Protein backbone atom coordinates (compact mmCIF):
# COMPACT_ATOMS: atom_id res chain seq x y z
CA MET A 1 46.60 115.96 84.80
CA VAL A 2 43.56 114.53 83.95
CA ASP A 3 42.42 112.12 86.25
CA LYS A 4 41.17 108.76 84.95
CA THR A 5 38.03 109.17 86.70
CA ASP A 6 37.32 112.14 85.10
CA LEU A 7 37.98 110.55 81.79
CA SER A 8 36.02 107.56 82.03
CA GLU A 9 32.68 110.08 83.24
CA SER A 10 33.56 112.19 80.59
CA GLU A 11 33.83 109.67 78.30
CA SER A 12 30.86 107.85 79.55
CA GLU A 13 29.00 110.83 79.39
CA ILE A 14 29.42 111.51 75.62
CA ARG A 15 28.74 108.58 74.76
CA TYR A 16 25.28 108.46 76.20
CA PHE A 17 24.52 111.99 74.76
CA SER A 18 25.19 110.43 71.28
CA HIS A 19 23.18 107.21 72.00
CA LEU A 20 20.38 110.45 73.14
CA CYS A 21 20.42 112.44 70.21
CA GLU A 22 21.42 109.56 67.63
CA VAL A 23 25.05 110.75 66.53
CA SER A 24 28.46 110.22 66.42
CA PRO A 25 30.73 110.61 69.35
CA ASP A 26 32.38 113.29 67.57
CA VAL A 27 29.46 115.43 67.25
CA ILE A 28 29.40 115.59 71.26
CA GLU A 29 32.93 116.24 71.45
CA GLU A 30 32.41 119.05 68.77
CA LEU A 31 29.87 121.12 70.77
CA ASP A 32 30.68 124.13 72.61
CA TRP A 33 30.81 123.77 76.07
CA SER A 34 28.28 126.45 76.44
CA ASP A 35 25.63 124.13 73.88
CA PHE A 36 27.20 121.17 76.14
CA VAL A 37 25.82 122.42 79.47
CA LYS A 38 22.33 123.45 77.38
CA LEU A 39 22.14 120.04 76.29
CA ARG A 40 23.02 118.46 80.15
CA GLU A 41 20.44 121.10 81.32
CA LYS A 42 18.05 120.11 78.71
CA LEU A 43 18.25 116.42 79.93
CA GLN A 44 18.12 116.71 83.66
CA ALA A 45 14.58 119.26 83.47
CA PHE A 46 13.69 116.24 80.99
CA LEU A 47 14.44 114.00 83.99
CA VAL A 48 13.02 115.66 86.65
CA SER A 49 9.51 116.34 84.49
CA ARG A 50 8.56 112.96 83.91
CA PRO A 51 5.77 111.26 85.52
CA SER A 52 6.48 108.97 88.96
CA ALA A 53 5.69 104.92 87.30
């Protein structure tokens, strides 16, 4: 059984990536898990590398 919190977090993450990549959420949902993990890793690396304001 999927926890409602997990589901809403997953949906939120899918929407977040779809906005960043300028694609529909369906495109993100169709990614293989390994590709989705790579996308997360690239975003994390980008966020960590940003200079402080």
